[in-house]
Amino acid sequence: MSAYAEFDKERQEIDALLRQGFTITAIQEDLDGARVSFTGGEQGKSPVELLLLTADARKYVTTLIFAGTKPAAPIETHM
């Protein structure tokens, strides 16, 4: 899988959680990547944790936090 494809997969997972009403509550970085904790969402949903492996996805999450945690508009890809 290409580096962009890996980032895009992680970005889509982040955006999907944000669209479901989850909010980013914590980020913990270590040698394995960044563990991002999400809480909220639809009623009855338990907290979710994503392990982000790509540097671009980690930068994306940080940008969302500073921008006010709004997911990006879906990108249409034609392959």
PDB file of N, CA and C in Angstrom:
ATOM      1  N   MET A   1       0.854  -1.169   0.000  1.00  0.00           N
ATOM      2  CA  MET A   1       0.000   0.000   0.000  1.00  0.00           C
ATOM      3  C   MET A   1       0.905   1.239   0.000  1.00  0.00           C
ATOM      4  N   SER A   2       0.534   2.230  -0.791  1.00  0.00           N
ATOM      5  CA  SER A   2       1.337   3.446  -0.861  1.00  0.00           C
ATOM      6  C   SER A   2       1.187   4.269   0.413  1.00  0.00           C
ATOM      7  N   ALA A   3       2.125   5.155   0.627  1.00  0.00           N
ATOM      8  CA  ALA A   3       2.091   6.011   1.819  1.00  0.00           C
ATOM      9  C   ALA A   3       0.815   6.854   1.830  1.00  0.00           C
ATOM     10  N   TYR A   4       0.429   7.369   0.653  1.00  0.00           N
ATOM     11  CA  TYR A   4      -0.792   8.171   0.601  1.00  0.00           C
ATOM     12  C   TYR A   4      -2.016   7.323   0.931  1.00  0.00           C
ATOM     13  N   ALA A   5      -2.072   6.110   0.421  1.00  0.00           N
ATOM     14  CA  ALA A   5      -3.217   5.235   0.679  1.00  0.00           C
ATOM     15  C   ALA A   5      -3.337   4.922   2.159  1.00  0.00           C
ATOM     16  N   GLU A   6      -2.212   4.709   2.840  1.00  0.00           N
ATOM     17  CA  GLU A   6      -2.239   4.457   4.284  1.00  0.00           C
ATOM     18  C   GLU A   6      -2.765   5.676   5.025  1.00  0.00           C
ATOM     19  N   PHE A   7      -2.255   6.865   4.661  1.00  0.00           N
ATOM     20  CA  PHE A   7      -2.736   8.099   5.286  1.00  0.00           C
ATOM     21  C   PHE A   7      -4.216   8.298   5.022  1.00  0.00           C
ATOM     22  N   ASP A   8      -4.640   8.096   3.780  1.00  0.00           N
ATOM     23  CA  ASP A   8      -6.036   8.315   3.412  1.00  0.00           C
ATOM     24  C   ASP A   8      -6.967   7.397   4.197  1.00  0.00           C
ATOM     25  N   LYS A   9      -6.565   6.166   4.403  1.00  0.00           N
ATOM     26  CA  LYS A   9      -7.368   5.218   5.192  1.00  0.00           C
ATOM     27  C   LYS A   9      -7.526   5.718   6.630  1.00  0.00           C
ATOM     28  N   GLU A  10      -6.432   6.172   7.232  1.00  0.00           N
ATOM     29  CA  GLU A  10      -6.502   6.684   8.604  1.00  0.00           C
ATOM     30  C   GLU A  10      -7.318   7.973   8.669  1.00  0.00           C
ATOM     31  N   ARG A  11      -7.172   8.840   7.665  1.00  0.00           N
ATOM     32  CA  ARG A  11      -7.938  10.093   7.627  1.00  0.00           C
ATOM     33  C   ARG A  11      -9.432   9.810   7.538  1.00  0.00           C
ATOM     34  N   GLN A  12      -9.803   8.832   6.714  1.00  0.00           N
ATOM     35  CA  GLN A  12     -11.215   8.487   6.582  1.00  0.00           C
ATOM     36  C   GLN A  12     -11.785   7.933   7.887  1.00  0.00           C
ATOM     37  N   GLU A  13     -10.987   7.158   8.619  1.00  0.00           N
ATOM     38  CA  GLU A  13     -11.441   6.644   9.913  1.00  0.00           C
ATOM     39  C   GLU A  13     -11.662   7.787  10.898  1.00  0.00           C
ATOM     40  N   ILE A  14     -10.753   8.737  10.921  1.00  0.00           N
ATOM     41  CA  ILE A  14     -10.879   9.906  11.808  1.00  0.00           C
ATOM     42  C   ILE A  14     -12.128  10.698  11.441  1.00  0.00           C
ATOM     43  N   ASP A  15     -12.284  11.019  10.161  1.00  0.00           N
ATOM     44  CA  ASP A  15     -13.426  11.806   9.709  1.00  0.00           C
ATOM     45  C   ASP A  15     -14.752  11.107   9.999  1.00  0.00           C
ATOM     46  N   ALA A  16     -14.799   9.788   9.832  1.00  0.00           N
ATOM     47  CA  ALA A  16     -16.036   9.046  10.098  1.00  0.00           C
ATOM     48  C   ALA A  16     -16.419   9.163  11.572  1.00  0.00           C
ATOM     49  N   LEU A  17     -15.453   9.050  12.454  1.00  0.00           N
ATOM     50  CA  LEU A  17     -15.749   9.184  13.882  1.00  0.00           C
ATOM     51  C   LEU A  17     -16.236  10.593  14.214  1.00  0.00           C
ATOM     52  N   LEU A  18     -15.609  11.601  13.637  1.00  0.00           N
ATOM     53  CA  LEU A  18     -16.033  12.978  13.897  1.00  0.00           C
ATOM     54  C   LEU A  18     -17.434  13.239  13.368  1.00  0.00           C
ATOM     55  N   ARG A  19     -17.774  12.672  12.211  1.00  0.00           N
ATOM     56  CA  ARG A  19     -19.126  12.837  11.662  1.00  0.00           C
ATOM     57  C   ARG A  19     -20.180  12.151  12.535  1.00  0.00           C
ATOM     58  N   GLN A  20     -19.779  11.103  13.249  1.00  0.00           N
ATOM     59  CA  GLN A  20     -20.705  10.399  14.145  1.00  0.00           C
ATOM     60  C   GLN A  20     -20.870  11.128  15.466  1.00  0.00           C
ATOM     61  N   GLY A  21     -20.204  12.256  15.636  1.00  0.00           N
ATOM     62  CA  GLY A  21     -20.363  13.050  16.844  1.00  0.00           C
ATOM     63  C   GLY A  21     -19.286  12.829  17.893  1.00  0.00           C
ATOM     64  N   PHE A  22     -18.289  12.024  17.587  1.00  0.00           N
ATOM     65  CA  PHE A  22     -17.191  11.820  18.527  1.00  0.00           C
ATOM     66  C   PHE A  22     -16.309  13.063  18.559  1.00  0.00           C
ATOM     67  N   THR A  23     -15.633  13.263  19.681  1.00  0.00           N
ATOM     68  CA  THR A  23     -14.659  14.342  19.800  1.00  0.00           C
ATOM     69  C   THR A  23     -13.332  13.762  20.255  1.00  0.00           C
ATOM     70  N   ILE A  24     -12.266  14.416  19.856  1.00  0.00           N
ATOM     71  CA  ILE A  24     -10.925  13.984  20.245  1.00  0.00           C
ATOM     72  C   ILE A  24     -10.693  14.439  21.678  1.00  0.00           C
ATOM     73  N   THR A  25     -10.366  13.484  22.544  1.00  0.00           N
ATOM     74  CA  THR A  25     -10.170  13.829  23.947  1.00  0.00           C
ATOM     75  C   THR A  25      -8.738  13.671  24.421  1.00  0.00           C
ATOM     76  N   ALA A  26      -7.932  12.871  23.741  1.00  0.00           N
ATOM     77  CA  ALA A  26      -6.548  12.677  24.168  1.00  0.00           C
ATOM     78  C   ALA A  26      -5.713  12.127  23.016  1.00  0.00           C
ATOM     79  N   ILE A  27      -4.438  12.487  23.057  1.00  0.00           N
ATOM     80  CA  ILE A  27      -3.471  11.938  22.107  1.00  0.00           C
ATOM     81  C   ILE A  27      -2.252  11.520  22.908  1.00  0.00           C
ATOM     82  N   GLN A  28      -1.826  10.289  22.698  1.00  0.00           N
ATOM     83  CA  GLN A  28      -0.635   9.791  23.368  1.00  0.00           C
ATOM     84  C   GLN A  28       0.303   9.238  22.295  1.00  0.00           C
ATOM     85  N   GLU A  29       1.480   9.804  22.206  1.00  0.00           N
ATOM     86  CA  GLU A  29       2.449   9.363  21.198  1.00  0.00           C
ATOM     87  C   GLU A  29       3.511   8.488  21.842  1.00  0.00           C
ATOM     88  N   ASP A  30       3.900   7.452  21.118  1.00  0.00           N
ATOM     89  CA  ASP A  30       5.012   6.599  21.537  1.00  0.00           C
ATOM     90  C   ASP A  30       5.704   6.086  20.278  1.00  0.00           C
ATOM     91  N   LEU A  31       6.570   5.128  20.431  1.00  0.00           N
ATOM     92  CA  LEU A  31       7.326   4.632  19.278  1.00  0.00           C
ATOM     93  C   LEU A  31       6.465   3.868  18.278  1.00  0.00           C
ATOM     94  N   ASP A  32       5.285   3.406  18.701  1.00  0.00           N
ATOM     95  CA  ASP A  32       4.391   2.672  17.810  1.00  0.00           C
ATOM     96  C   ASP A  32       3.541   3.590  16.940  1.00  0.00           C
ATOM     97  N   GLY A  33       3.382   4.843  17.338  1.00  0.00           N
ATOM     98  CA  GLY A  33       2.532   5.781  16.616  1.00  0.00           C
ATOM     99  C   GLY A  33       1.820   6.674  17.608  1.00  0.00           C
ATOM    100  N   ALA A  34       0.673   7.172  17.230  1.00  0.00           N
ATOM    101  CA  ALA A  34      -0.115   8.034  18.100  1.00  0.00           C
ATOM    102  C   ALA A  34      -1.453   7.356  18.385  1.00  0.00           C
ATOM    103  N   ARG A  35      -1.782   7.245  19.651  1.00  0.00           N
ATOM    104  CA  ARG A  35      -3.078   6.711  20.062  1.00  0.00           C
ATOM    105  C   ARG A  35      -4.001   7.896  20.333  1.00  0.00           C
ATOM    106  N   VAL A  36      -5.056   7.977  19.539  1.00  0.00           N
ATOM    107  CA  VAL A  36      -5.997   9.085  19.642  1.00  0.00           C
ATOM    108  C   VAL A  36      -7.285   8.547  20.243  1.00  0.00           C
ATOM    109  N   SER A  37      -7.711   9.158  21.349  1.00  0.00           N
ATOM    110  CA  SER A  37      -8.933   8.739  22.032  1.00  0.00           C
ATOM    111  C   SER A  37     -10.090   9.641  21.627  1.00  0.00           C
ATOM    112  N   PHE A  38     -11.221   9.031  21.332  1.00  0.00           N
ATOM    113  CA  PHE A  38     -12.444   9.738  20.953  1.00  0.00           C
ATOM    114  C   PHE A  38     -13.539   9.354  21.938  1.00  0.00           C
ATOM    115  N   THR A  39     -14.344  10.321  22.359  1.00  0.00           N
ATOM    116  CA  THR A  39     -15.508  10.038  23.192  1.00  0.00           C
ATOM    117  C   THR A  39     -16.704  10.764  22.609  1.00  0.00           C
ATOM    118  N   GLY A  40     -17.878  10.395  23.096  1.00  0.00           N
ATOM    119  CA  GLY A  40     -19.112  11.016  22.626  1.00  0.00           C
ATOM    120  C   GLY A  40     -19.776  10.137  21.600  1.00  0.00           C
ATOM    121  N   GLY A  41     -20.197  10.744  20.532  1.00  0.00           N
ATOM    122  CA  GLY A  41     -20.863   9.982  19.483  1.00  0.00           C
ATOM    123  C   GLY A  41     -22.309   9.731  19.834  1.00  0.00           C
ATOM    124  N   GLU A  42     -22.894   8.804  19.116  1.00  0.00           N
ATOM    125  CA  GLU A  42     -24.294   8.451  19.346  1.00  0.00           C
ATOM    126  C   GLU A  42     -24.431   7.831  20.730  1.00  0.00           C
ATOM    127  N   GLN A  43     -25.603   7.958  21.308  1.00  0.00           N
ATOM    128  CA  GLN A  43     -25.822   7.420  22.651  1.00  0.00           C
ATOM    129  C   GLN A  43     -25.544   5.927  22.673  1.00  0.00           C
ATOM    130  N   GLY A  44     -24.916   5.489  23.735  1.00  0.00           N
ATOM    131  CA  GLY A  44     -24.627   4.081  23.883  1.00  0.00           C
ATOM    132  C   GLY A  44     -23.299   3.664  23.274  1.00  0.00           C
ATOM    133  N   LYS A  45     -22.640   4.571  22.602  1.00  0.00           N
ATOM    134  CA  LYS A  45     -21.347   4.249  21.998  1.00  0.00           C
ATOM    135  C   LYS A  45     -20.254   4.388  23.052  1.00  0.00           C
ATOM    136  N   SER A  46     -19.373   3.413  23.099  1.00  0.00           N
ATOM    137  CA  SER A  46     -18.265   3.479  24.034  1.00  0.00           C
ATOM    138  C   SER A  46     -17.121   4.275  23.411  1.00  0.00           C
ATOM    139  N   PRO A  47     -16.193   4.765  24.229  1.00  0.00           N
ATOM    140  CA  PRO A  47     -15.051   5.502  23.693  1.00  0.00           C
ATOM    141  C   PRO A  47     -14.273   4.649  22.678  1.00  0.00           C
ATOM    142  N   VAL A  48     -13.657   5.323  21.728  1.00  0.00           N
ATOM    143  CA  VAL A  48     -12.908   4.659  20.661  1.00  0.00           C
ATOM    144  C   VAL A  48     -11.471   5.157  20.707  1.00  0.00           C
ATOM    145  N   GLU A  49     -10.531   4.252  20.430  1.00  0.00           N
ATOM    146  CA  GLU A  49      -9.127   4.637  20.344  1.00  0.00           C
ATOM    147  C   GLU A  49      -8.575   4.177  18.999  1.00  0.00           C
ATOM    148  N   LEU A  50      -7.940   5.089  18.282  1.00  0.00           N
ATOM    149  CA  LEU A  50      -7.308   4.765  17.007  1.00  0.00           C
ATOM    150  C   LEU A  50      -5.798   4.844  17.171  1.00  0.00           C
ATOM    151  N   LEU A  51      -5.093   3.913  16.556  1.00  0.00           N
ATOM    152  CA  LEU A  51      -3.638   3.968  16.500  1.00  0.00           C
ATOM    153  C   LEU A  51      -3.263   4.490  15.125  1.00  0.00           C
ATOM    154  N   LEU A  52      -2.704   5.682  15.081  1.00  0.00           N
ATOM    155  CA  LEU A  52      -2.292   6.288  13.827  1.00  0.00           C
ATOM    156  C   LEU A  52      -0.823   5.999  13.598  1.00  0.00           C
ATOM    157  N   LEU A  53      -0.528   5.392  12.464  1.00  0.00           N
ATOM    158  CA  LEU A  53       0.842   4.994  12.169  1.00  0.00           C
ATOM    159  C   LEU A  53       1.562   5.977  11.257  1.00  0.00           C
ATOM    160  N   THR A  54       0.822   6.712  10.454  1.00  0.00           N
ATOM    161  CA  THR A  54       1.471   7.617   9.507  1.00  0.00           C
ATOM    162  C   THR A  54       1.665   9.002  10.117  1.00  0.00           C
ATOM    163  N   ALA A  55       2.768   9.622   9.774  1.00  0.00           N
ATOM    164  CA  ALA A  55       3.049  10.973  10.266  1.00  0.00           C
ATOM    165  C   ALA A  55       2.010  11.966   9.748  1.00  0.00           C
ATOM    166  N   ASP A  56       1.554  11.772   8.501  1.00  0.00           N
ATOM    167  CA  ASP A  56       0.558  12.683   7.947  1.00  0.00           C
ATOM    168  C   ASP A  56      -0.759  12.611   8.705  1.00  0.00           C
ATOM    169  N   ALA A  57      -1.164  11.438   9.142  1.00  0.00           N
ATOM    170  CA  ALA A  57      -2.402  11.310   9.920  1.00  0.00           C
ATOM    171  C   ALA A  57      -2.252  11.971  11.285  1.00  0.00           C
ATOM    172  N   ARG A  58      -1.078  11.852  11.881  1.00  0.00           N
ATOM    173  CA  ARG A  58      -0.843  12.508  13.176  1.00  0.00           C
ATOM    174  C   ARG A  58      -0.891  14.026  13.010  1.00  0.00           C
ATOM    175  N   LYS A  59      -0.323  14.526  11.918  1.00  0.00           N
ATOM    176  CA  LYS A  59      -0.390  15.967  11.649  1.00  0.00           C
ATOM    177  C   LYS A  59      -1.831  16.398  11.378  1.00  0.00           C
ATOM    178  N   TYR A  60      -2.590  15.556  10.689  1.00  0.00           N
ATOM    179  CA  TYR A  60      -3.988  15.854  10.370  1.00  0.00           C
ATOM    180  C   TYR A  60      -4.810  16.020  11.649  1.00  0.00           C
ATOM    181  N   VAL A  61      -4.623  15.112  12.600  1.00  0.00           N
ATOM    182  CA  VAL A  61      -5.364  15.186  13.865  1.00  0.00           C
ATOM    183  C   VAL A  61      -5.006  16.468  14.605  1.00  0.00           C
ATOM    184  N   THR A  62      -3.737  16.790  14.635  1.00  0.00           N
ATOM    185  CA  THR A  62      -3.307  18.016  15.315  1.00  0.00           C
ATOM    186  C   THR A  62      -3.916  19.241  14.649  1.00  0.00           C
ATOM    187  N   THR A  63      -3.958  19.246  13.335  1.00  0.00           N
ATOM    188  CA  THR A  63      -4.564  20.350  12.603  1.00  0.00           C
ATOM    189  C   THR A  63      -6.048  20.460  12.925  1.00  0.00           C
ATOM    190  N   LEU A  64      -6.741  19.330  13.021  1.00  0.00           N
ATOM    191  CA  LEU A  64      -8.163  19.351  13.369  1.00  0.00           C
ATOM    192  C   LEU A  64      -8.389  19.957  14.744  1.00  0.00           C
ATOM    193  N   ILE A  65      -7.523  19.623  15.686  1.00  0.00           N
ATOM    194  CA  ILE A  65      -7.673  20.155  17.041  1.00  0.00           C
ATOM    195  C   ILE A  65      -7.547  21.672  17.024  1.00  0.00           C
ATOM    196  N   PHE A  66      -6.540  22.180  16.338  1.00  0.00           N
ATOM    197  CA  PHE A  66      -6.351  23.627  16.286  1.00  0.00           C
ATOM    198  C   PHE A  66      -7.423  24.326  15.458  1.00  0.00           C
ATOM    199  N   ALA A  67      -7.990  23.621  14.494  1.00  0.00           N
ATOM    200  CA  ALA A  67      -9.015  24.210  13.631  1.00  0.00           C
ATOM    201  C   ALA A  67     -10.416  24.080  14.211  1.00  0.00           C
ATOM    202  N   GLY A  68     -10.590  23.303  15.266  1.00  0.00           N
ATOM    203  CA  GLY A  68     -11.901  23.160  15.880  1.00  0.00           C
ATOM    204  C   GLY A  68     -12.552  21.822  15.625  1.00  0.00           C
ATOM    205  N   THR A  69     -11.812  20.801  15.288  1.00  0.00           N
ATOM    206  CA  THR A  69     -12.241  19.417  15.060  1.00  0.00           C
ATOM    207  C   THR A  69     -13.440  19.265  14.124  1.00  0.00           C
ATOM    208  N   LYS A  70     -13.296  19.750  12.931  1.00  0.00           N
ATOM    209  CA  LYS A  70     -14.297  19.518  11.899  1.00  0.00           C
ATOM    210  C   LYS A  70     -13.705  18.560  10.880  1.00  0.00           C
ATOM    211  N   PRO A  71     -14.421  17.515  10.511  1.00  0.00           N
ATOM    212  CA  PRO A  71     -13.878  16.588   9.509  1.00  0.00           C
ATOM    213  C   PRO A  71     -13.802  17.252   8.148  1.00  0.00           C
ATOM    214  N   ALA A  72     -12.874  16.789   7.357  1.00  0.00           N
ATOM    215  CA  ALA A  72     -12.739  17.299   5.997  1.00  0.00           C
ATOM    216  C   ALA A  72     -13.910  16.804   5.161  1.00  0.00           C
ATOM    217  N   ALA A  73     -14.216  17.565   4.124  1.00  0.00           N
ATOM    218  CA  ALA A  73     -15.245  17.128   3.190  1.00  0.00           C
ATOM    219  C   ALA A  73     -14.751  15.871   2.480  1.00  0.00           C
ATOM    220  N   PRO A  74     -15.629  14.927   2.199  1.00  0.00           N
ATOM    221  CA  PRO A  74     -15.198  13.706   1.515  1.00  0.00           C
ATOM    222  C   PRO A  74     -14.526  14.020   0.188  1.00  0.00           C
ATOM    223  N   ILE A  75     -13.469  13.286  -0.087  1.00  0.00           N
ATOM    224  CA  ILE A  75     -12.728  13.456  -1.338  1.00  0.00           C
ATOM    225  C   ILE A  75     -13.149  12.339  -2.284  1.00  0.00           C
ATOM    226  N   GLU A  76     -13.531  12.737  -3.488  1.00  0.00           N
ATOM    227  CA  GLU A  76     -13.904  11.743  -4.485  1.00  0.00           C
ATOM    228  C   GLU A  76     -12.654  11.311  -5.217  1.00  0.00           C
ATOM    229  N   THR A  77     -12.431  10.006  -5.256  1.00  0.00           N
ATOM    230  CA  THR A  77     -11.284   9.491  -5.986  1.00  0.00           C
ATOM    231  C   THR A  77     -11.771   8.649  -7.146  1.00  0.00           C
ATOM    232  N   HIS A  78     -11.119   8.803  -8.249  1.00  0.00           N
ATOM    233  CA  HIS A  78     -11.456   8.036  -9.444  1.00  0.00           C
ATOM    234  C   HIS A  78     -10.263   7.196  -9.828  1.00  0.00           C
ATOM    235  N   MET A  79     -10.370   5.915  -9.584  1.00  0.00           N
ATOM    236  CA  MET A  79      -9.251   5.009  -9.900  1.00  0.00           C
ATOM    237  C   MET A  79      -9.708   3.945 -10.837  1.00  0.00           C
TER     238      MET A  79
END
